[in-house]
N, C-alpha and C. Protein backbone atom coordinates (compact mmCIF):
# COMPACT_ATOMS: atom_id res chain seq x y z
N MET A 1 0.85 -1.17 0.00
CA MET A 1 0.00 0.00 0.00
C MET A 1 0.90 1.25 0.00
N THR A 2 0.58 2.18 -0.87
CA THR A 2 1.34 3.43 -0.96
C THR A 2 0.92 4.39 0.14
N THR A 3 1.89 5.04 0.73
CA THR A 3 1.61 6.04 1.76
C THR A 3 1.60 7.43 1.13
N PRO A 4 0.95 8.40 1.77
CA PRO A 4 0.99 9.77 1.26
C PRO A 4 2.43 10.29 1.15
N GLU A 5 3.29 9.88 2.07
CA GLU A 5 4.68 10.33 2.06
C GLU A 5 5.42 9.82 0.83
N ALA A 6 5.02 8.68 0.28
CA ALA A 6 5.62 8.15 -0.94
C ALA A 6 4.94 8.71 -2.18
N PHE A 7 3.66 9.00 -2.09
CA PHE A 7 2.87 9.47 -3.23
C PHE A 7 3.12 10.95 -3.55
N LEU A 8 3.13 11.80 -2.54
CA LEU A 8 3.22 13.25 -2.76
C LEU A 8 4.48 13.71 -3.47
N PRO A 9 5.65 13.12 -3.23
CA PRO A 9 6.85 13.58 -3.93
C PRO A 9 6.83 13.39 -5.44
N THR A 10 5.84 12.68 -5.97
CA THR A 10 5.74 12.52 -7.42
C THR A 10 5.16 13.77 -8.09
N PHE A 11 4.79 14.77 -7.31
CA PHE A 11 4.21 16.02 -7.83
C PHE A 11 5.16 17.19 -7.59
N PRO A 12 5.02 18.26 -8.37
CA PRO A 12 5.88 19.43 -8.19
C PRO A 12 5.74 20.03 -6.79
N PRO A 13 6.81 20.63 -6.27
CA PRO A 13 6.78 21.20 -4.91
C PRO A 13 5.60 22.13 -4.62
N PRO A 14 5.20 23.04 -5.53
CA PRO A 14 4.05 23.90 -5.19
C PRO A 14 2.74 23.11 -5.02
N VAL A 15 2.58 22.07 -5.82
CA VAL A 15 1.38 21.22 -5.70
C VAL A 15 1.42 20.44 -4.39
N ARG A 16 2.59 19.91 -4.05
CA ARG A 16 2.74 19.20 -2.77
C ARG A 16 2.41 20.11 -1.60
N ALA A 17 2.86 21.36 -1.67
CA ALA A 17 2.60 22.31 -0.58
C ALA A 17 1.11 22.56 -0.41
N LEU A 18 0.40 22.71 -1.52
CA LEU A 18 -1.06 22.89 -1.44
C LEU A 18 -1.71 21.66 -0.81
N ALA A 19 -1.30 20.48 -1.26
CA ALA A 19 -1.86 19.24 -0.73
C ALA A 19 -1.57 19.09 0.76
N GLN A 20 -0.36 19.43 1.18
CA GLN A 20 0.00 19.32 2.60
C GLN A 20 -0.85 20.27 3.44
N GLY A 21 -1.11 21.46 2.93
CA GLY A 21 -1.97 22.40 3.65
C GLY A 21 -3.38 21.86 3.81
N LEU A 22 -3.91 21.25 2.75
CA LEU A 22 -5.25 20.66 2.82
C LEU A 22 -5.28 19.45 3.75
N ARG A 23 -4.21 18.66 3.74
CA ARG A 23 -4.12 17.52 4.66
C ARG A 23 -4.18 18.00 6.11
N ALA A 24 -3.45 19.08 6.40
CA ALA A 24 -3.45 19.63 7.76
C ALA A 24 -4.84 20.13 8.14
N LEU A 25 -5.51 20.77 7.20
CA LEU A 25 -6.87 21.26 7.44
C LEU A 25 -7.81 20.09 7.76
N LEU A 26 -7.74 19.04 6.97
CA LEU A 26 -8.60 17.88 7.22
C LEU A 26 -8.26 17.20 8.54
N ALA A 27 -6.99 17.10 8.86
CA ALA A 27 -6.60 16.48 10.14
C ALA A 27 -7.17 17.27 11.31
N ARG A 28 -7.23 18.58 11.16
CA ARG A 28 -7.75 19.43 12.24
C ARG A 28 -9.28 19.39 12.28
N GLU A 29 -9.93 19.48 11.13
CA GLU A 29 -11.39 19.61 11.08
C GLU A 29 -12.14 18.28 11.07
N ALA A 30 -11.49 17.22 10.62
CA ALA A 30 -12.13 15.89 10.57
C ALA A 30 -11.14 14.86 11.12
N PRO A 31 -10.81 14.94 12.41
CA PRO A 31 -9.76 14.09 12.97
C PRO A 31 -10.05 12.59 12.91
N ARG A 32 -11.31 12.20 12.77
CA ARG A 32 -11.64 10.76 12.70
C ARG A 32 -11.51 10.20 11.29
N ALA A 33 -11.39 11.08 10.30
CA ALA A 33 -11.31 10.63 8.91
C ALA A 33 -10.01 9.87 8.67
N VAL A 34 -10.11 8.78 7.94
CA VAL A 34 -8.96 7.95 7.61
C VAL A 34 -8.50 8.30 6.20
N GLU A 35 -7.21 8.62 6.09
CA GLU A 35 -6.62 9.02 4.82
C GLU A 35 -6.10 7.80 4.07
N ALA A 36 -6.30 7.79 2.74
CA ALA A 36 -5.78 6.71 1.90
C ALA A 36 -5.35 7.28 0.56
N VAL A 37 -4.31 6.69 -0.01
CA VAL A 37 -3.87 7.06 -1.35
C VAL A 37 -4.70 6.27 -2.35
N ARG A 38 -5.22 6.96 -3.34
CA ARG A 38 -5.96 6.33 -4.43
C ARG A 38 -5.28 6.74 -5.73
N ARG A 39 -4.29 5.95 -6.13
CA ARG A 39 -3.53 6.28 -7.33
C ARG A 39 -4.43 6.41 -8.56
N GLY A 40 -5.40 5.53 -8.70
CA GLY A 40 -6.32 5.58 -9.84
C GLY A 40 -7.13 6.86 -9.90
N TRP A 41 -7.38 7.45 -8.76
CA TRP A 41 -8.11 8.71 -8.69
C TRP A 41 -7.16 9.90 -8.72
N GLY A 42 -5.87 9.61 -8.56
CA GLY A 42 -4.88 10.68 -8.57
C GLY A 42 -4.87 11.52 -7.31
N GLY A 43 -5.12 10.88 -6.17
CA GLY A 43 -5.13 11.69 -4.97
C GLY A 43 -5.27 10.93 -3.68
N LEU A 44 -5.66 11.69 -2.68
CA LEU A 44 -5.87 11.19 -1.33
C LEU A 44 -7.36 11.26 -1.03
N THR A 45 -7.89 10.20 -0.43
CA THR A 45 -9.30 10.21 -0.07
C THR A 45 -9.43 10.12 1.44
N TYR A 46 -10.57 10.57 1.93
CA TYR A 46 -10.84 10.61 3.36
C TYR A 46 -12.18 9.95 3.63
N ARG A 47 -12.13 9.05 4.60
CA ARG A 47 -13.31 8.25 4.95
C ARG A 47 -13.59 8.41 6.43
N ASP A 48 -14.81 8.86 6.72
CA ASP A 48 -15.25 8.99 8.10
C ASP A 48 -15.85 7.66 8.55
N PRO A 49 -15.56 7.21 9.79
CA PRO A 49 -16.09 5.93 10.23
C PRO A 49 -17.61 5.86 10.28
N CYS A 50 -18.28 7.00 10.41
CA CYS A 50 -19.75 6.99 10.49
C CYS A 50 -20.43 7.19 9.14
N VAL A 51 -19.86 8.04 8.28
CA VAL A 51 -20.55 8.38 7.03
C VAL A 51 -19.87 7.85 5.77
N GLY A 52 -18.69 7.28 5.90
CA GLY A 52 -17.98 6.77 4.73
C GLY A 52 -17.18 7.87 4.04
N TYR A 53 -16.99 7.69 2.72
CA TYR A 53 -16.18 8.64 1.95
C TYR A 53 -16.77 10.04 2.10
N CYS A 54 -15.91 11.00 2.43
CA CYS A 54 -16.41 12.36 2.65
C CYS A 54 -15.64 13.43 1.89
N ALA A 55 -14.37 13.19 1.56
CA ALA A 55 -13.59 14.23 0.89
C ALA A 55 -12.41 13.62 0.16
N GLY A 56 -11.85 14.41 -0.75
CA GLY A 56 -10.66 13.98 -1.47
C GLY A 56 -9.82 15.16 -1.89
N ILE A 57 -8.52 14.94 -1.93
CA ILE A 57 -7.56 15.91 -2.45
C ILE A 57 -7.00 15.29 -3.71
N PHE A 58 -7.24 15.92 -4.85
CA PHE A 58 -6.82 15.37 -6.12
C PHE A 58 -5.72 16.24 -6.70
N LEU A 59 -4.57 15.64 -6.90
CA LEU A 59 -3.38 16.37 -7.33
C LEU A 59 -3.23 16.31 -8.84
N LEU A 60 -2.94 17.45 -9.42
CA LEU A 60 -2.70 17.59 -10.85
C LEU A 60 -1.33 18.21 -11.03
N ALA A 61 -0.76 18.11 -12.20
CA ALA A 61 0.55 18.71 -12.43
C ALA A 61 0.50 20.21 -12.20
N GLU A 62 -0.66 20.82 -12.45
CA GLU A 62 -0.76 22.29 -12.36
C GLU A 62 -1.50 22.79 -11.13
N GLY A 63 -1.96 21.92 -10.25
CA GLY A 63 -2.68 22.39 -9.06
C GLY A 63 -3.36 21.25 -8.34
N VAL A 64 -4.34 21.59 -7.51
CA VAL A 64 -5.09 20.59 -6.76
C VAL A 64 -6.58 20.88 -6.84
N ARG A 65 -7.36 19.84 -6.63
CA ARG A 65 -8.81 19.97 -6.46
C ARG A 65 -9.14 19.33 -5.13
N PHE A 66 -10.00 19.98 -4.40
CA PHE A 66 -10.41 19.52 -3.08
C PHE A 66 -11.91 19.25 -3.19
N GLY A 67 -12.30 17.99 -3.08
CA GLY A 67 -13.70 17.63 -3.29
C GLY A 67 -14.39 17.17 -2.03
N PHE A 68 -15.69 17.46 -1.97
CA PHE A 68 -16.55 17.06 -0.85
C PHE A 68 -17.67 16.20 -1.40
N GLU A 69 -17.80 14.99 -0.89
CA GLU A 69 -18.82 14.06 -1.38
C GLU A 69 -20.22 14.66 -1.27
N TRP A 70 -20.53 15.31 -0.18
CA TRP A 70 -21.84 15.91 0.00
C TRP A 70 -21.73 17.44 0.02
N GLY A 71 -20.90 17.95 -0.86
CA GLY A 71 -20.67 19.39 -0.93
C GLY A 71 -21.90 20.21 -1.25
N VAL A 72 -22.89 19.59 -1.87
CA VAL A 72 -24.13 20.29 -2.19
C VAL A 72 -24.82 20.78 -0.91
N LEU A 73 -24.52 20.16 0.22
CA LEU A 73 -25.12 20.54 1.49
C LEU A 73 -24.35 21.65 2.22
N LEU A 74 -23.17 22.00 1.71
CA LEU A 74 -22.34 23.01 2.37
C LEU A 74 -22.78 24.42 1.98
N PRO A 75 -22.78 25.35 2.93
CA PRO A 75 -23.03 26.74 2.57
C PRO A 75 -21.88 27.24 1.69
N ASP A 76 -22.19 28.01 0.68
CA ASP A 76 -21.17 28.52 -0.24
C ASP A 76 -21.52 29.94 -0.66
N PRO A 77 -21.53 30.88 0.29
CA PRO A 77 -21.97 32.23 -0.02
C PRO A 77 -21.11 32.95 -1.06
N GLN A 78 -19.85 32.55 -1.21
CA GLN A 78 -18.98 33.19 -2.20
C GLN A 78 -18.98 32.47 -3.54
N GLY A 79 -19.70 31.36 -3.63
CA GLY A 79 -19.79 30.63 -4.89
C GLY A 79 -18.49 29.99 -5.34
N LEU A 80 -17.69 29.50 -4.40
CA LEU A 80 -16.40 28.92 -4.73
C LEU A 80 -16.47 27.44 -5.11
N LEU A 81 -17.52 26.75 -4.67
CA LEU A 81 -17.64 25.32 -4.95
C LEU A 81 -18.26 25.10 -6.32
N ARG A 82 -17.69 24.16 -7.06
CA ARG A 82 -18.17 23.82 -8.40
C ARG A 82 -18.81 22.43 -8.37
N ALA A 83 -19.76 22.22 -9.26
CA ALA A 83 -20.41 20.92 -9.35
C ALA A 83 -19.41 19.87 -9.78
N GLY A 84 -19.50 18.70 -9.17
CA GLY A 84 -18.66 17.58 -9.54
C GLY A 84 -19.35 16.72 -10.57
N THR A 85 -18.87 15.51 -10.76
CA THR A 85 -19.47 14.61 -11.73
C THR A 85 -20.71 13.93 -11.18
N ARG A 86 -20.90 14.02 -9.86
CA ARG A 86 -22.11 13.47 -9.23
C ARG A 86 -22.92 14.62 -8.70
N GLY A 87 -24.22 14.45 -8.63
CA GLY A 87 -25.10 15.53 -8.21
C GLY A 87 -24.83 16.08 -6.83
N SER A 88 -24.37 15.25 -5.90
CA SER A 88 -24.17 15.71 -4.52
C SER A 88 -22.78 16.29 -4.28
N ALA A 89 -21.84 15.96 -5.13
CA ALA A 89 -20.45 16.36 -4.91
C ALA A 89 -20.20 17.80 -5.34
N ARG A 90 -19.27 18.44 -4.64
CA ARG A 90 -18.81 19.78 -5.00
C ARG A 90 -17.30 19.80 -4.83
N ARG A 91 -16.63 20.60 -5.64
CA ARG A 91 -15.18 20.67 -5.55
C ARG A 91 -14.72 22.11 -5.54
N PHE A 92 -13.51 22.27 -5.06
CA PHE A 92 -12.85 23.56 -5.01
C PHE A 92 -11.46 23.30 -5.56
N GLY A 93 -11.00 24.11 -6.48
CA GLY A 93 -9.68 23.89 -7.03
C GLY A 93 -8.94 25.16 -7.33
N THR A 94 -7.63 25.08 -7.35
CA THR A 94 -6.82 26.25 -7.66
C THR A 94 -6.51 26.31 -9.15
N GLY A 95 -6.63 25.18 -9.85
CA GLY A 95 -6.19 25.15 -11.24
C GLY A 95 -4.68 25.04 -11.30
N ARG A 96 -3.99 25.94 -10.65
CA ARG A 96 -2.53 25.90 -10.56
C ARG A 96 -2.13 26.68 -9.32
N PRO A 97 -0.99 26.37 -8.74
CA PRO A 97 -0.55 27.10 -7.55
C PRO A 97 -0.50 28.60 -7.80
N GLY A 98 -1.11 29.36 -6.92
CA GLY A 98 -1.12 30.81 -7.04
C GLY A 98 -2.27 31.37 -7.84
N ALA A 99 -3.08 30.50 -8.46
CA ALA A 99 -4.21 30.96 -9.27
C ALA A 99 -5.41 31.30 -8.39
N ALA A 100 -6.36 32.00 -8.97
CA ALA A 100 -7.59 32.32 -8.25
C ALA A 100 -8.32 31.04 -7.91
N PRO A 101 -8.97 30.96 -6.74
CA PRO A 101 -9.68 29.75 -6.35
C PRO A 101 -10.91 29.48 -7.20
N GLY A 102 -11.36 28.24 -7.14
CA GLY A 102 -12.62 27.86 -7.76
C GLY A 102 -12.51 27.11 -9.05
N GLY A 103 -11.32 26.98 -9.63
CA GLY A 103 -11.18 26.38 -10.96
C GLY A 103 -11.34 24.91 -11.01
């Protein structure tokens, strides 16, 4: 099984830094969530023991996307969350390090 410490170095340093910041945020806000590398998905997924899959950090060569399985239920007064491929999912992405949020 691949660990995040082995997976993250395969991406450029600015992308790794974004992912590490999001990992820290999830560790603080969802401490019960279990982190796993999903190479086929290109990222890290988070599973809560009570509700199952809840979030993912998807790394791209040019940035990251941070997805929420039930993001449709989250308040989004600034309109930063974008529709995912499933009706309930929402994502937030930088597009590339240093870019405006929401891409």
